Amino acid sequence: MNQHPYSRIAIKVGSNVLTRADGTLDVTQMSALVDQMAELHRDGIQIILISSGAVASGRSEVNPPRKLDSVERRQLFSAVGQAKLINRYYELFREHRIVVGQVLTMKENFATRRHYLNQRSCMNVMLEGKVIPIVNENDTVAVSELMFTDNDELSGLIATMMDVQQLIILSNIDGIYNGNPELPETTLIKEVYPGDSLDAYIQTGKSSFGRGGMLTKTSVARKVADEGIGVTIANGRRQHILTDLIRQPLQTPCTRFVPATTPLSGVKKWIAHSRDFAKGELMLNAEAADILRSDKAVSILPVGITLVKGEFEKDDIVKILSPEGDTIAVGKTNCNSTQAREALGKHGRKPVVHYDYLCFEIG
């Protein structure tokens, strides 16, 4: 029987948590985290694991025969490291009689609603069968300009797609500090509420083996929390960190992002995360833009559109622009670009984007 407040959580484990200084996998650390996840799994909590470490572990196994560019290196190291990483997870979880399954994804898989729902359906079936999905980006085939910023970004997409109650991001520090963590006068920021500014505290440096840093983690955490999901940033190398975060959260060092009290619907969560996938743009006239910015629930009608940019199909994502070119919102279209241009500026036509498929929380 699940005695915890969560029935489903997502856990993102960073490269610096899973690897030693020389880039090899820290099997002892992996085993400790797996033991904790197995314990939570037995308590009835569904777990989705987003794990870094493939490229780092592959790097320690392969000596390229020639100098490779950055994309080639990632492809080679990931191809070798992903097999090594998932095999290790498989063996560790098997000791607890828990089955795991690998989910390799790419940014394009979140671009269309159909691919998004197919991916969600697959992972829901896994969870229903008590299988733990282990998710990572498919670096072997991902094109550099279409890659996720890092697995922090991927974890945010997975958390909202799968409607988890909590996203736990494990790094190599306890959370966000109000200064240099190495200085004695610096303290840990325990809670971040919607609207709180952290600009003065976030360092832009990146991790040793990953692509991201605390800036990316904070950006992802804010976005996910604004969509109604709690986010915790904690130190993955602390003993019993996962079980402590669930069972005694107030006594465990971490930074918690308090979720918004009015969560978005499932489709609006997808739209909110899809700004980078926009296939076109709709520029509004001044009157339509002012109405859209108000508290009124309004759709994007052809009469208020002055320009249609790009080529898109029905159900694609488009940006909604002000007359000055600023992005006001993103939305899912109700028609294709040809139909939108044909109806441009006309009265009495159906909405190009219905209000139910408009999202203003675009980060």
Protein backbone atom coordinates (compact mmCIF):
# COMPACT_ATOMS: atom_id res chain seq x y z
CA MET A 1 0.00 0.00 0.00
CA ASN A 2 1.36 3.41 -0.98
CA GLN A 3 1.69 5.50 2.18
CA HIS A 4 3.27 8.45 0.36
CA PRO A 5 1.62 11.52 -1.19
CA TYR A 6 2.86 10.50 -4.65
CA SER A 7 1.59 7.76 -6.93
CA ARG A 8 3.91 8.66 -9.83
CA ILE A 9 7.23 10.49 -9.85
CA ALA A 10 9.98 11.22 -12.37
CA ILE A 11 13.62 11.03 -11.31
CA LYS A 12 16.37 12.62 -13.37
CA VAL A 13 19.91 11.49 -12.56
CA GLY A 14 22.74 13.65 -13.87
CA SER A 15 26.05 12.54 -15.33
CA ASN A 16 28.03 13.90 -12.38
CA VAL A 17 26.00 11.69 -10.05
CA LEU A 18 26.67 8.51 -12.02
CA THR A 19 30.28 8.90 -13.11
CA ARG A 20 33.66 9.08 -11.47
CA ALA A 21 36.22 11.76 -12.24
CA ASP A 22 37.74 9.64 -15.01
CA GLY A 23 34.38 9.25 -16.76
CA THR A 24 33.77 5.63 -15.80
CA LEU A 25 30.44 4.55 -14.35
CA ASP A 26 30.25 4.65 -10.56
CA VAL A 27 28.55 1.27 -10.08
CA THR A 28 28.42 1.64 -6.31
CA GLN A 29 26.51 4.91 -6.63
CA MET A 30 24.19 3.46 -9.28
CA SER A 31 23.46 0.49 -7.05
CA ALA A 32 22.60 2.74 -4.10
CA LEU A 33 20.13 4.75 -6.18
CA VAL A 34 18.58 1.60 -7.66
CA ASP A 35 18.12 0.18 -4.13
CA GLN A 36 16.19 3.31 -3.15
CA MET A 37 14.06 3.33 -6.31
CA ALA A 38 13.26 -0.34 -5.76
CA GLU A 39 12.13 0.46 -2.23
CA LEU A 40 9.82 3.22 -3.46
CA HIS A 41 8.58 0.97 -6.25
CA ARG A 42 7.62 -1.69 -3.70
CA ASP A 43 5.70 0.99 -1.80
CA GLY A 44 3.49 1.45 -4.85
CA ILE A 45 5.06 4.55 -6.41
CA GLN A 46 5.34 4.45 -10.19
CA ILE A 47 8.81 5.64 -11.21
CA ILE A 48 10.08 7.07 -14.48
CA LEU A 49 13.86 7.33 -14.59
CA ILE A 50 15.54 9.85 -16.89
CA SER A 51 19.19 8.90 -16.76
CA SER A 52 22.27 10.64 -18.09
CA GLY A 53 25.62 8.92 -18.23
CA ALA A 54 25.59 7.20 -21.63
CA VAL A 55 28.03 9.53 -23.35
CA ALA A 56 30.26 9.75 -20.28
CA SER A 57 30.40 5.98 -19.87
CA GLY A 58 31.03 5.43 -23.58
CA ARG A 59 33.85 7.94 -23.54
CA SER A 60 35.76 5.75 -21.10
CA GLU A 61 35.43 2.68 -23.34
CA VAL A 62 36.41 3.92 -26.81
CA ASN A 63 39.53 5.47 -28.32
CA PRO A 64 38.50 6.99 -31.67
CA PRO A 65 40.86 6.10 -34.54
CA ARG A 66 40.85 9.72 -35.75
CA LYS A 67 39.87 13.17 -34.58
CA LEU A 68 36.07 13.47 -34.50
CA ASP A 69 33.83 16.53 -34.47
CA SER A 70 31.45 17.10 -31.55
CA VAL A 71 28.48 15.34 -33.18
CA GLU A 72 30.54 12.31 -34.21
CA ARG A 73 31.97 12.01 -30.69
CA ARG A 74 28.51 12.09 -29.12
CA GLN A 75 27.21 9.51 -31.58
CA LEU A 76 30.10 7.12 -31.01
CA PHE A 77 30.26 7.46 -27.23
CA SER A 78 26.48 7.27 -26.88
CA ALA A 79 26.17 4.15 -29.04
CA VAL A 80 28.67 2.32 -26.84
CA GLY A 81 27.72 3.93 -23.54
CA GLN A 82 23.96 3.51 -23.86
CA ALA A 83 24.31 -0.27 -24.11
CA LYS A 84 26.64 -0.29 -21.12
CA LEU A 85 24.38 1.96 -19.05
CA ILE A 86 21.08 0.16 -19.68
CA ASN A 87 22.68 -3.25 -19.16
CA ARG A 88 23.96 -2.14 -15.77
CA TYR A 89 20.53 -0.81 -14.79
CA TYR A 90 18.92 -4.03 -16.00
CA GLU A 91 21.17 -6.17 -13.83
CA LEU A 92 20.82 -3.96 -10.74
CA PHE A 93 17.02 -3.80 -10.91
CA ARG A 94 16.79 -7.52 -11.65
CA GLU A 95 18.30 -8.19 -8.22
CA HIS A 96 15.07 -6.64 -6.86
CA ARG A 97 12.92 -8.60 -9.33
CA ILE A 98 11.96 -5.38 -11.09
CA VAL A 99 11.76 -5.19 -14.86
CA VAL A 100 13.01 -2.09 -16.66
CA GLY A 101 12.55 -0.96 -20.25
CA GLN A 102 14.58 1.45 -22.34
CA VAL A 103 12.94 4.47 -23.96
CA LEU A 104 15.17 6.38 -26.39
CA THR A 105 13.60 9.58 -27.62
CA MET A 106 14.40 12.73 -29.59
CA LYS A 107 13.16 16.28 -29.57
CA GLU A 108 11.15 15.65 -32.75
CA ASN A 109 9.04 13.09 -30.86
CA PHE A 110 7.48 15.95 -28.89
CA ALA A 111 6.82 18.15 -31.92
CA THR A 112 3.51 16.65 -33.06
CA ARG A 113 0.54 15.72 -30.91
CA ARG A 114 0.33 12.25 -32.51
CA HIS A 115 3.96 11.34 -31.71
CA TYR A 116 3.56 12.86 -28.25
CA LEU A 117 0.50 10.73 -27.47
CA ASN A 118 2.08 7.57 -28.92
CA GLN A 119 5.09 8.06 -26.68
CA ARG A 120 2.89 8.68 -23.64
CA SER A 121 0.77 5.61 -24.39
CA CYS A 122 3.86 3.39 -24.59
CA MET A 123 5.16 4.57 -21.23
CA ASN A 124 1.74 4.26 -19.58
CA VAL A 125 1.56 0.62 -20.69
CA MET A 126 5.00 0.04 -19.18
CA LEU A 127 3.97 1.59 -15.86
CA GLU A 128 0.73 -0.39 -15.77
CA GLY A 129 2.83 -3.53 -16.16
CA LYS A 130 5.07 -2.44 -13.25
CA VAL A 131 7.96 -1.84 -15.65
CA ILE A 132 10.22 1.14 -14.89
CA PRO A 133 10.89 3.19 -18.05
CA ILE A 134 14.50 4.36 -18.31
CA VAL A 135 14.54 7.37 -20.63
CA ASN A 136 17.41 9.01 -22.45
CA GLU A 137 17.92 11.02 -25.62
CA ASN A 138 18.85 8.99 -28.68
CA ASP A 139 22.15 10.80 -29.21
CA THR A 140 23.25 8.35 -31.89
CA VAL A 141 20.80 9.76 -34.45
CA ALA A 142 19.81 13.17 -33.03
CA VAL A 143 20.93 16.14 -35.13
CA SER A 144 22.84 18.70 -33.06
CA GLU A 145 20.48 21.61 -33.69
CA LEU A 146 17.52 19.43 -32.71
CA MET A 147 19.06 18.04 -29.53
CA PHE A 148 17.66 18.78 -26.12
CA THR A 149 19.66 21.35 -24.20
CA ASP A 150 20.36 18.44 -21.84
CA ASN A 151 18.48 15.74 -19.96
CA ASP A 152 17.09 18.37 -17.59
CA GLU A 153 15.01 19.69 -20.47
CA LEU A 154 14.02 16.13 -21.40
CA SER A 155 13.01 15.37 -17.81
CA GLY A 156 10.70 18.39 -17.78
CA LEU A 157 8.97 17.22 -20.95
CA ILE A 158 8.61 13.68 -19.61
CA ALA A 159 7.29 14.89 -16.24
CA THR A 160 4.52 16.97 -17.81
CA MET A 161 3.71 14.40 -20.49
CA MET A 162 3.28 11.64 -17.91
CA ASP A 163 1.38 13.76 -15.34
CA VAL A 164 3.72 12.99 -12.47
CA GLN A 165 3.18 14.64 -9.09
CA GLN A 166 6.87 15.31 -8.50
CA LEU A 167 10.01 15.69 -10.60
CA ILE A 168 13.23 15.03 -8.68
CA ILE A 169 16.40 16.34 -10.34
CA LEU A 170 19.52 14.81 -8.81
CA SER A 171 22.74 16.77 -9.22
CA ASN A 172 26.04 16.85 -7.32
CA ILE A 173 25.01 19.67 -4.96
CA ASP A 174 22.12 20.03 -2.52
CA GLY A 175 20.22 22.62 -4.56
CA ILE A 176 20.31 26.37 -5.18
CA TYR A 177 22.32 28.57 -2.82
CA ASN A 178 22.17 32.31 -2.21
CA GLY A 179 25.88 32.56 -3.00
CA ASN A 180 28.98 30.43 -3.50
CA PRO A 181 28.21 27.01 -1.92
CA GLU A 182 31.83 26.75 -0.74
CA LEU A 183 31.56 29.84 1.48
CA PRO A 184 30.41 29.28 5.09
CA GLU A 185 27.97 32.22 5.09
CA THR A 186 26.08 30.85 2.08
CA THR A 187 22.76 29.12 2.75
CA LEU A 188 20.56 26.75 0.78
CA ILE A 189 17.36 28.16 -0.71
CA LYS A 190 14.79 25.64 0.52
CA GLU A 191 11.68 26.79 -1.34
CA VAL A 192 11.02 28.75 -4.53
CA TYR A 193 7.53 30.10 -5.11
CA PRO A 194 6.03 31.22 -8.43
CA GLY A 195 7.41 34.66 -9.24
CA ASP A 196 10.49 34.41 -7.01
CA SER A 197 13.63 35.76 -8.73
CA LEU A 198 16.78 33.63 -8.64
CA ASP A 199 18.79 35.57 -11.23
CA ALA A 200 21.33 36.78 -8.66
CA TYR A 201 22.10 33.25 -7.45
CA ILE A 202 22.37 31.10 -10.57
CA GLN A 203 25.78 30.33 -12.03
CA THR A 204 26.02 29.75 -15.78
CA GLY A 205 28.74 27.10 -15.61
CA LYS A 206 28.08 23.63 -17.03
CA SER A 207 28.70 20.23 -15.47
CA SER A 208 31.85 18.23 -16.17
CA PHE A 209 30.26 15.44 -18.19
CA GLY A 210 26.80 16.77 -19.03
CA ARG A 211 25.62 19.60 -21.27
CA GLY A 212 23.69 21.51 -18.64
CA GLY A 213 24.16 23.37 -15.39
CA MET A 214 22.10 24.96 -12.62
CA LEU A 215 20.77 27.62 -15.01
CA THR A 216 19.09 24.96 -17.14
CA LYS A 217 17.84 23.06 -14.09
CA THR A 218 16.26 26.22 -12.69
CA SER A 219 14.65 27.13 -16.00
CA VAL A 220 13.16 23.64 -16.35
CA ALA A 221 12.06 23.57 -12.70
CA ARG A 222 10.25 26.90 -13.03
CA LYS A 223 8.44 25.83 -16.18
CA VAL A 224 7.33 22.49 -14.76
CA ALA A 225 6.24 24.03 -11.45
CA ASP A 226 4.22 26.68 -13.31
CA GLU A 227 2.35 23.80 -14.95
CA GLY A 228 1.31 22.41 -11.57
CA ILE A 229 4.03 19.83 -10.87
CA GLY A 230 6.34 20.06 -7.87
CA VAL A 231 10.08 19.98 -8.60
CA THR A 232 12.95 19.16 -6.26
CA ILE A 233 16.67 19.71 -6.92
CA ALA A 234 18.85 17.64 -4.60
CA ASN A 235 22.25 16.00 -4.20
CA GLY A 236 22.19 12.53 -5.74
CA ARG A 237 25.32 11.52 -3.86
CA ARG A 238 23.76 11.97 -0.44
CA GLN A 239 23.04 8.68 1.29
CA HIS A 240 19.36 7.65 1.09
CA ILE A 241 18.51 10.85 -0.77
CA LEU A 242 15.49 9.49 -2.70
CA THR A 243 13.80 7.73 0.20
CA ASP A 244 14.50 10.71 2.47
CA LEU A 245 12.99 13.16 -0.02
CA ILE A 246 9.78 11.12 -0.06
CA ARG A 247 9.56 10.12 3.60
CA GLN A 248 11.08 13.07 5.47
CA PRO A 249 11.16 15.96 2.99
CA LEU A 250 11.34 18.73 5.58
CA GLN A 251 14.52 17.29 7.11
CA THR A 252 16.30 16.63 3.80
CA PRO A 253 18.54 19.32 2.23
CA CYS A 254 17.15 20.34 -1.17
CA THR A 255 15.52 23.17 -3.11
CA ARG A 256 11.81 22.72 -3.77
CA PHE A 257 9.89 24.57 -6.46
CA VAL A 258 6.34 24.98 -5.21
CA PRO A 259 3.81 24.11 -7.94
CA ALA A 260 1.22 26.56 -9.24
CA THR A 261 -2.22 26.11 -7.73
CA THR A 262 -3.97 26.14 -11.12
CA PRO A 263 -2.30 23.42 -13.21
CA LEU A 264 -2.63 23.31 -17.00
CA SER A 265 -4.59 20.67 -18.86
CA GLY A 266 -2.68 17.86 -20.55
CA VAL A 267 -2.89 19.36 -24.02
CA LYS A 268 -1.86 22.81 -22.76
CA LYS A 269 1.15 21.27 -21.04
CA TRP A 270 2.20 19.90 -24.41
CA ILE A 271 1.59 23.26 -26.09
CA ALA A 272 3.53 25.12 -23.38
CA HIS A 273 6.58 22.93 -24.03
CA SER A 274 6.29 23.14 -27.83
CA ARG A 275 7.33 26.70 -28.56
CA ASP A 276 10.56 25.49 -30.18
CA PHE A 277 8.56 23.24 -32.50
CA ALA A 278 6.39 26.02 -33.95
CA LYS A 279 5.82 25.51 -37.69
CA GLY A 280 4.48 29.00 -38.36
CA GLU A 281 3.43 32.36 -36.97
CA LEU A 282 0.19 34.35 -36.85
CA MET A 283 0.59 38.12 -36.58
CA LEU A 284 -2.38 39.93 -35.04
CA ASN A 285 -3.62 43.46 -35.46
CA ALA A 286 -3.44 45.81 -32.47
CA GLU A 287 -7.05 45.32 -31.40
CA ALA A 288 -6.84 41.51 -31.48
CA ALA A 289 -3.52 41.55 -29.61
CA ASP A 290 -4.95 43.77 -26.87
CA ILE A 291 -7.98 41.51 -26.44
CA LEU A 292 -5.77 38.42 -26.29
CA ARG A 293 -3.65 40.03 -23.57
CA SER A 294 -6.77 40.75 -21.49
CA ASP A 295 -8.49 38.34 -19.13
CA LYS A 296 -11.11 37.43 -21.72
CA ALA A 297 -11.27 33.86 -23.05
CA VAL A 298 -10.89 34.52 -26.78
CA SER A 299 -9.87 32.45 -29.78
CA ILE A 300 -7.68 33.57 -32.69
CA LEU A 301 -10.12 34.52 -35.46
CA PRO A 302 -9.12 35.24 -39.08
CA VAL A 303 -10.50 38.78 -38.83
CA GLY A 304 -7.80 39.68 -36.29
CA ILE A 305 -4.88 38.17 -38.24
CA THR A 306 -2.81 40.40 -40.52
CA LEU A 307 -0.11 37.95 -41.62
CA VAL A 308 0.40 34.18 -41.79
CA LYS A 309 4.04 33.07 -41.81
CA GLY A 310 5.37 29.61 -42.58
CA GLU A 311 3.75 26.41 -43.81
CA PHE A 312 1.82 24.31 -41.31
CA GLU A 313 -0.82 21.59 -41.16
CA LYS A 314 -3.88 21.26 -38.94
CA ASP A 315 -2.88 20.50 -35.31
CA ASP A 316 0.63 21.95 -35.74
CA ILE A 317 2.01 24.46 -33.23
CA VAL A 318 2.23 28.14 -34.20
CA LYS A 319 3.35 31.29 -32.42
CA ILE A 320 0.91 34.16 -31.93
CA LEU A 321 2.61 37.53 -32.51
CA SER A 322 1.77 41.12 -31.67
CA PRO A 323 1.98 43.79 -34.41
CA GLU A 324 5.51 44.50 -33.12
CA GLY A 325 6.53 40.87 -33.61
CA ASP A 326 6.59 39.87 -29.93
CA THR A 327 5.34 36.39 -29.05
CA ILE A 328 2.12 36.56 -27.03
CA ALA A 329 1.23 32.88 -26.94
CA VAL A 330 1.57 29.54 -28.69
CA GLY A 331 -1.31 27.41 -29.90
CA LYS A 332 -2.46 24.36 -31.84
CA THR A 333 -3.98 25.24 -35.20
CA ASN A 334 -7.49 24.34 -36.32
CA CYS A 335 -6.56 24.48 -40.03
CA ASN A 336 -3.54 24.48 -42.34
CA SER A 337 -1.60 27.54 -43.51
CA THR A 338 -3.33 27.66 -46.92
CA GLN A 339 -6.75 27.76 -45.29
CA ALA A 340 -5.57 30.38 -42.79
CA ARG A 341 -4.31 32.65 -45.58
CA GLU A 342 -7.56 32.20 -47.54
CA ALA A 343 -9.58 33.36 -44.50
CA LEU A 344 -7.16 36.18 -43.56
CA GLY A 345 -8.99 39.26 -42.27
CA LYS A 346 -12.48 37.89 -42.95
CA HIS A 347 -15.47 37.93 -40.61
CA GLY A 348 -17.63 34.93 -39.75
CA ARG A 349 -14.92 32.28 -40.15
CA LYS A 350 -13.95 29.51 -37.72
CA PRO A 351 -11.07 30.15 -35.31
CA VAL A 352 -7.59 29.44 -36.62
CA VAL A 353 -6.61 28.65 -33.02
CA HIS A 354 -9.32 27.89 -30.46
CA TYR A 355 -8.93 29.30 -26.94
CA ASP A 356 -8.82 25.78 -25.47
CA TYR A 357 -5.59 25.21 -27.42
CA LEU A 358 -3.86 28.49 -26.58
CA CYS A 359 -1.15 28.70 -23.96
CA PHE A 360 0.39 31.87 -22.57
CA GLU A 361 2.78 30.19 -20.12
CA ILE A 362 5.67 29.89 -22.54
CA GLY A 363 8.57 30.49 -20.17
